[in-house]
Amino acid sequence: MNRKTFLQTSGLLLAGSVMGKASAAEKLLTSDNLDSAPMATANYPLMDLHVHRSAQQTIEDIVAKSKQYGITFGVMDNIAPFRTIKTDADLKAYIDSLKPYPVYIGLQPMVLGWSKDFSAELIAQADYVSMDPHVIPNGNKYGDTLQIWEYATYIDDPDAFMVRNMQHYMDILTGDDPLNIFACPLYLPPSVQRDYYRLWTKERMEQVIEAARSRNIAFEINDLAHTPHEEFILMAKSAGLKFTFGSDTRNQQTGRLDYCKYIADKCQLTEKDFFIPKRKLG
C-alpha cells in the first residue's frame, strides 16, 4: 500500500479514534457525514497547494480540474535521496516542466538538510516549500527511521515517541532549510491514534505554534488525513498564523476538499488567514 492510499484510510481511523472526545459538530467529520457539512463560503481563496502528478493524473488533468472546480492548484514533487528529485538537474527539469501551466510550483522535501544539495537560485524559483514530519530518524528505541503513514510503523512507547516526534517538529520548524508551509500537522501513526488527545496536549500544540510563528510558517489543513483539528486551528489563528488547503492527492480525488472547507468555515477563516504564493498566475 502506498503512502497516499494509506493516508486516505488512516484519516478515517483518526476520525474514529478521537470520536470519544469529539463534540456533536466534530462528528460531522466522518466519511458518512461530510457530504452534509456546511459548504465553504466565498470568504477565502479556494486553493489546493498539495497536488501531485502521477500515472493517474497528468498536469493537463490538473489544469482541467482547476477550470472545472474553480480551484487554483499548487503542484508538488518530493525531494529526497530515495525520490525523483535528487540533483540540481532534476530540480530544474521539474520546475521547467510546470512553468508553462497556470499552477503554482511547490517543493516537498522529505528529509532534513535537503537544501544543502541544491542551488539556492533554483530553490527560489519555486513558489513555496512545504514539508511534513512523516519521516522521523531514530523514531523509536531501536533506532528505526519511521515512515509514520505506514501501518507497520513500530511504536514501542507512545510517550517516548511523542518526545522524539516533538523534537522532529522543532528540527523542521526552527531549522535552516527554506520552509513556507508545515504540512499535515498533528498526524499520528495508526498504532497510537487512539491516544490522539492524550498525546497532543495543549502545551505541545502551543510549542509547535510558537515555533512556526518564529519563522512565519503557515500550517496546511490536510484533506486526506483530516488534520489538524478545530482547537489547533483556532490556537494558530489567534497567534496570527496562516493556513493552506492540501488534498495530498494524485488521482480522481483531486478537487474535493470537503474537510478543508468544513473546518475552515467552522473556524471562520477568511482570506487574511491564508498563505497565498506571491507569483501571479497567467
Protein backbone atom coordinates (compact mmCIF):
# COMPACT_ATOMS: atom_id res chain seq x y z
CA MET A 1 0.00 0.00 0.00
CA ASN A 2 1.46 3.37 -0.98
CA ARG A 3 1.52 6.46 1.21
CA LYS A 4 -1.46 8.19 -0.39
CA THR A 5 -3.71 5.13 -0.23
CA PHE A 6 -2.75 4.61 3.38
CA LEU A 7 -3.40 8.20 4.43
CA GLN A 8 -6.84 8.03 2.84
CA THR A 9 -7.69 5.04 5.05
CA SER A 10 -5.84 6.34 8.08
CA GLY A 11 -7.74 9.62 8.03
CA LEU A 12 -10.89 7.65 8.74
CA LEU A 13 -9.14 5.75 11.52
CA LEU A 14 -8.05 9.02 13.10
CA ALA A 15 -11.57 10.41 12.96
CA GLY A 16 -12.81 7.29 14.68
CA SER A 17 -10.06 7.26 17.29
CA VAL A 18 -10.90 10.73 18.60
CA MET A 19 -14.67 10.38 18.44
CA GLY A 20 -14.98 9.77 22.15
CA LYS A 21 -13.93 13.36 22.86
CA ALA A 22 -15.47 14.93 19.78
CA SER A 23 -18.39 17.29 20.03
CA ALA A 24 -21.56 16.70 18.07
CA ALA A 25 -20.32 19.13 15.41
CA GLU A 26 -16.96 17.38 15.15
CA LYS A 27 -18.78 14.11 14.45
CA LEU A 28 -19.62 15.53 11.05
CA LEU A 29 -16.03 14.75 10.08
CA THR A 30 -16.72 11.06 9.48
CA SER A 31 -16.80 9.99 5.85
CA ASP A 32 -20.52 9.19 6.06
CA ASN A 33 -21.47 12.72 7.07
CA LEU A 34 -19.01 15.03 5.32
CA ASP A 35 -21.43 15.49 2.43
CA SER A 36 -23.81 17.24 4.85
CA ALA A 37 -21.13 19.55 6.26
CA PRO A 38 -21.59 23.26 5.57
CA MET A 39 -20.10 24.25 2.24
CA ALA A 40 -17.37 26.84 2.01
CA THR A 41 -18.28 30.47 1.81
CA ALA A 42 -16.63 32.88 -0.59
CA ASN A 43 -14.61 34.43 2.25
CA TYR A 44 -11.30 32.79 1.33
CA PRO A 45 -9.43 31.77 -1.83
CA LEU A 46 -10.17 28.25 -2.99
CA MET A 47 -6.65 26.85 -3.39
CA ASP A 48 -5.18 23.38 -3.04
CA LEU A 49 -1.40 23.66 -2.76
CA HIS A 50 -0.73 19.93 -2.28
CA VAL A 51 -1.45 18.09 -5.52
CA HIS A 52 0.77 15.58 -7.33
CA ARG A 53 1.13 14.40 -10.89
CA SER A 54 1.03 10.64 -11.38
CA ALA A 55 0.23 7.89 -13.85
CA GLN A 56 -3.43 8.55 -12.97
CA GLN A 57 -3.22 12.35 -13.20
CA THR A 58 -1.24 14.45 -15.69
CA ILE A 59 -0.59 18.16 -15.46
CA GLU A 60 -3.21 18.60 -18.18
CA ASP A 61 -5.72 16.76 -15.98
CA ILE A 62 -4.89 19.10 -13.08
CA VAL A 63 -5.39 22.21 -15.23
CA ALA A 64 -8.72 20.83 -16.46
CA LYS A 65 -9.86 20.23 -12.88
CA SER A 66 -8.82 23.75 -11.95
CA LYS A 67 -11.22 25.10 -14.57
CA GLN A 68 -13.94 22.58 -13.69
CA TYR A 69 -13.94 23.21 -9.92
CA GLY A 70 -12.72 26.80 -9.78
CA ILE A 71 -9.75 25.77 -7.63
CA THR A 72 -6.21 27.11 -8.01
CA PHE A 73 -3.73 24.26 -7.66
CA GLY A 74 -0.16 24.05 -6.46
CA VAL A 75 1.70 21.01 -7.80
CA MET A 76 4.43 19.42 -5.68
CA ASP A 77 7.04 16.73 -6.05
CA ASN A 78 9.18 15.06 -3.39
CA ILE A 79 12.80 15.91 -2.74
CA ALA A 80 14.77 13.10 -1.11
CA PRO A 81 17.64 10.72 -1.93
CA PHE A 82 15.05 7.97 -2.47
CA ARG A 83 12.67 10.09 -4.58
CA THR A 84 12.55 11.70 -8.03
CA ILE A 85 14.36 14.98 -7.35
CA LYS A 86 17.93 14.34 -6.22
CA THR A 87 20.11 16.84 -8.09
CA ASP A 88 20.04 20.37 -9.47
CA ALA A 89 19.37 18.90 -12.91
CA ASP A 90 16.33 17.04 -11.56
CA LEU A 91 15.06 20.17 -9.83
CA LYS A 92 15.49 22.36 -12.92
CA ALA A 93 13.70 19.81 -15.11
CA TYR A 94 10.82 19.67 -12.62
CA ILE A 95 10.43 23.45 -12.41
CA ASP A 96 10.71 23.87 -16.19
CA SER A 97 8.07 21.19 -16.76
CA LEU A 98 5.48 23.19 -14.77
CA LYS A 99 6.30 26.74 -15.84
CA PRO A 100 4.06 26.69 -18.94
CA TYR A 101 0.97 25.86 -16.88
CA PRO A 102 -1.26 28.08 -14.66
CA VAL A 103 -0.32 26.27 -11.43
CA TYR A 104 1.91 27.14 -8.52
CA ILE A 105 5.18 25.20 -8.26
CA GLY A 106 5.84 23.61 -4.86
CA LEU A 107 8.68 21.60 -3.40
CA GLN A 108 8.04 18.82 -0.87
CA PRO A 109 11.29 17.77 0.84
CA MET A 110 11.16 14.65 2.99
CA VAL A 111 14.44 14.82 4.93
CA LEU A 112 16.21 17.48 6.95
CA GLY A 113 19.19 19.22 5.39
CA TRP A 114 17.84 18.76 1.88
CA SER A 115 18.58 22.31 0.72
CA LYS A 116 22.35 21.85 1.01
CA ASP A 117 22.22 19.61 -2.06
CA PHE A 118 20.62 22.22 -4.33
CA SER A 119 21.30 25.65 -5.75
CA ALA A 120 19.66 28.41 -3.75
CA GLU A 121 18.80 30.15 -7.02
CA LEU A 122 16.91 27.08 -8.24
CA ILE A 123 15.06 26.62 -4.97
CA ALA A 124 13.99 30.27 -5.16
CA GLN A 125 12.27 29.60 -8.50
CA ALA A 126 9.65 27.52 -6.70
CA ASP A 127 6.62 29.32 -5.30
CA TYR A 128 6.80 27.64 -1.91
CA VAL A 129 8.35 24.82 0.10
CA SER A 130 6.08 22.51 2.10
CA MET A 131 7.34 19.74 4.40
CA ASP A 132 5.54 17.28 6.62
CA PRO A 133 7.02 15.50 9.68
CA HIS A 134 6.33 11.98 8.41
CA VAL A 135 9.90 10.65 8.13
CA ILE A 136 11.38 10.55 11.64
CA PRO A 137 15.02 9.44 12.10
CA ASN A 138 15.63 7.38 15.27
CA GLY A 139 11.92 7.37 15.94
CA ASN A 140 11.92 4.52 18.47
CA LYS A 141 14.35 2.86 20.86
CA TYR A 142 15.53 0.54 18.07
CA GLY A 143 16.81 3.47 16.04
CA ASP A 144 14.34 2.94 13.20
CA THR A 145 13.66 5.70 10.71
CA LEU A 146 9.89 5.83 10.95
CA GLN A 147 7.64 6.48 7.97
CA ILE A 148 4.60 7.20 10.06
CA TRP A 149 1.98 6.83 7.32
CA GLU A 150 2.75 3.09 7.15
CA TYR A 151 0.56 0.60 9.02
CA ALA A 152 3.70 -1.26 10.11
CA THR A 153 5.26 1.76 11.82
CA TYR A 154 6.55 0.30 15.10
CA ILE A 155 5.99 2.46 18.17
CA ASP A 156 7.40 0.77 21.25
CA ASP A 157 6.41 3.50 23.71
CA PRO A 158 3.84 6.20 22.75
CA ASP A 159 5.09 8.73 25.29
CA ALA A 160 8.73 8.29 24.29
CA PHE A 161 7.65 8.54 20.65
CA MET A 162 5.99 11.89 21.29
CA VAL A 163 9.17 13.26 22.83
CA ARG A 164 11.07 12.27 19.69
CA ASN A 165 8.22 13.43 17.46
CA MET A 166 8.22 16.86 19.09
CA GLN A 167 11.97 17.16 18.62
CA HIS A 168 11.50 16.31 14.95
CA TYR A 169 8.83 19.03 14.65
CA MET A 170 11.23 21.54 16.21
CA ASP A 171 14.09 20.45 13.93
CA ILE A 172 11.90 21.15 10.89
CA LEU A 173 10.25 24.34 12.11
CA THR A 174 13.37 26.02 13.52
CA GLY A 175 15.95 24.61 11.10
CA ASP A 176 17.93 26.27 8.32
CA ASP A 177 16.12 24.76 5.33
CA PRO A 178 13.67 27.03 3.46
CA LEU A 179 10.09 26.40 4.58
CA ASN A 180 6.80 28.16 3.91
CA ILE A 181 4.22 25.52 4.88
CA PHE A 182 4.23 22.82 7.56
CA ALA A 183 2.10 20.05 6.09
CA CYS A 184 -0.22 17.60 7.83
CA PRO A 185 0.39 18.84 11.39
CA LEU A 186 -0.63 16.65 14.35
CA TYR A 187 -0.89 13.45 12.30
CA LEU A 188 -0.02 10.32 14.32
CA PRO A 189 0.87 6.76 13.29
CA PRO A 190 -2.06 4.28 13.31
CA SER A 191 -0.86 2.36 16.35
CA VAL A 192 -1.10 5.41 18.62
CA GLN A 193 -4.01 7.30 17.08
CA ARG A 194 -6.31 6.05 19.84
CA ASP A 195 -4.26 8.26 22.20
CA TYR A 196 -4.52 11.34 19.99
CA TYR A 197 -5.91 13.79 22.55
CA ARG A 198 -3.74 12.49 25.38
CA LEU A 199 -0.55 12.78 23.33
CA TRP A 200 -1.34 16.10 21.64
CA THR A 201 -1.56 18.18 24.78
CA LYS A 202 -2.25 21.90 24.73
CA GLU A 203 1.34 22.54 25.81
CA ARG A 204 2.72 20.58 22.86
CA MET A 205 0.41 22.34 20.42
CA GLU A 206 1.48 25.70 21.83
CA GLN A 207 5.12 24.75 21.33
CA VAL A 208 4.50 23.83 17.69
CA ILE A 209 2.59 27.04 17.05
CA GLU A 210 5.24 29.23 18.68
CA ALA A 211 8.00 27.56 16.62
CA ALA A 212 6.03 28.20 13.42
CA ARG A 213 5.32 31.78 14.46
CA SER A 214 9.04 32.46 14.95
CA ARG A 215 9.59 31.90 11.19
CA ASN A 216 6.13 32.88 9.92
CA ILE A 217 5.41 29.36 8.65
CA ALA A 218 1.86 28.51 7.57
CA PHE A 219 0.02 25.33 8.53
CA GLU A 220 -1.60 23.04 5.99
CA ILE A 221 -5.13 21.82 6.60
CA ASN A 222 -4.86 18.33 5.16
CA ASP A 223 -7.98 17.00 3.49
CA LEU A 224 -6.77 13.41 3.21
CA ALA A 225 -5.80 12.91 6.87
CA HIS A 226 -8.35 15.35 8.37
CA THR A 227 -5.72 17.24 10.33
CA PRO A 228 -5.36 19.46 12.23
CA HIS A 229 -8.48 19.76 14.36
CA GLU A 230 -10.51 22.81 15.35
CA GLU A 231 -8.71 23.55 18.63
CA PHE A 232 -5.30 23.69 16.97
CA ILE A 233 -6.54 25.83 14.07
CA LEU A 234 -8.13 28.36 16.42
CA MET A 235 -4.95 28.49 18.53
CA ALA A 236 -2.80 29.08 15.44
CA LYS A 237 -5.26 31.66 14.12
CA SER A 238 -5.10 33.55 17.41
CA ALA A 239 -1.31 33.56 17.10
CA GLY A 240 -1.62 35.26 13.72
CA LEU A 241 -0.51 32.30 11.63
CA LYS A 242 -1.81 31.47 8.17
CA PHE A 243 -3.16 28.30 6.59
CA THR A 244 -3.32 26.45 3.30
CA PHE A 245 -5.55 23.70 1.96
CA GLY A 246 -3.85 20.50 0.88
CA SER A 247 -5.58 17.42 -0.56
CA ASP A 248 -2.35 15.39 -0.98
CA THR A 249 -3.98 13.71 -3.97
CA ARG A 250 -2.82 12.36 -7.30
CA ASN A 251 -5.96 10.82 -8.79
CA GLN A 252 -9.71 11.32 -9.19
CA GLN A 253 -9.97 12.69 -5.63
CA THR A 254 -8.25 15.93 -6.60
CA GLY A 255 -10.67 18.83 -6.27
CA ARG A 256 -12.85 17.62 -3.39
CA LEU A 257 -11.56 19.42 -0.25
CA ASP A 258 -14.60 18.52 1.89
CA TYR A 259 -12.78 18.52 5.23
CA CYS A 260 -10.80 21.64 4.39
CA LYS A 261 -13.91 23.64 3.54
CA TYR A 262 -15.86 22.29 6.50
CA ILE A 263 -13.26 23.12 9.14
CA ALA A 264 -12.37 26.48 7.57
CA ASP A 265 -16.00 27.55 7.83
CA LYS A 266 -16.28 26.14 11.34
CA CYS A 267 -13.22 28.16 12.42
CA GLN A 268 -14.45 31.23 10.48
CA LEU A 269 -11.28 31.55 8.42
CA THR A 270 -11.18 34.38 5.89
CA GLU A 271 -8.80 35.42 3.13
CA LYS A 272 -6.46 37.17 5.56
CA ASP A 273 -5.88 33.81 7.30
CA PHE A 274 -4.44 32.13 4.20
CA PHE A 275 -0.96 31.88 2.76
CA ILE A 276 -1.06 32.84 -0.93
CA PRO A 277 2.05 32.47 -3.13
CA LYS A 278 3.34 35.78 -4.46
CA ARG A 279 3.64 34.89 -8.15
CA LYS A 280 0.74 35.91 -10.36
CA LEU A 281 -0.50 33.03 -12.47
CA GLY A 282 -1.16 33.61 -16.15
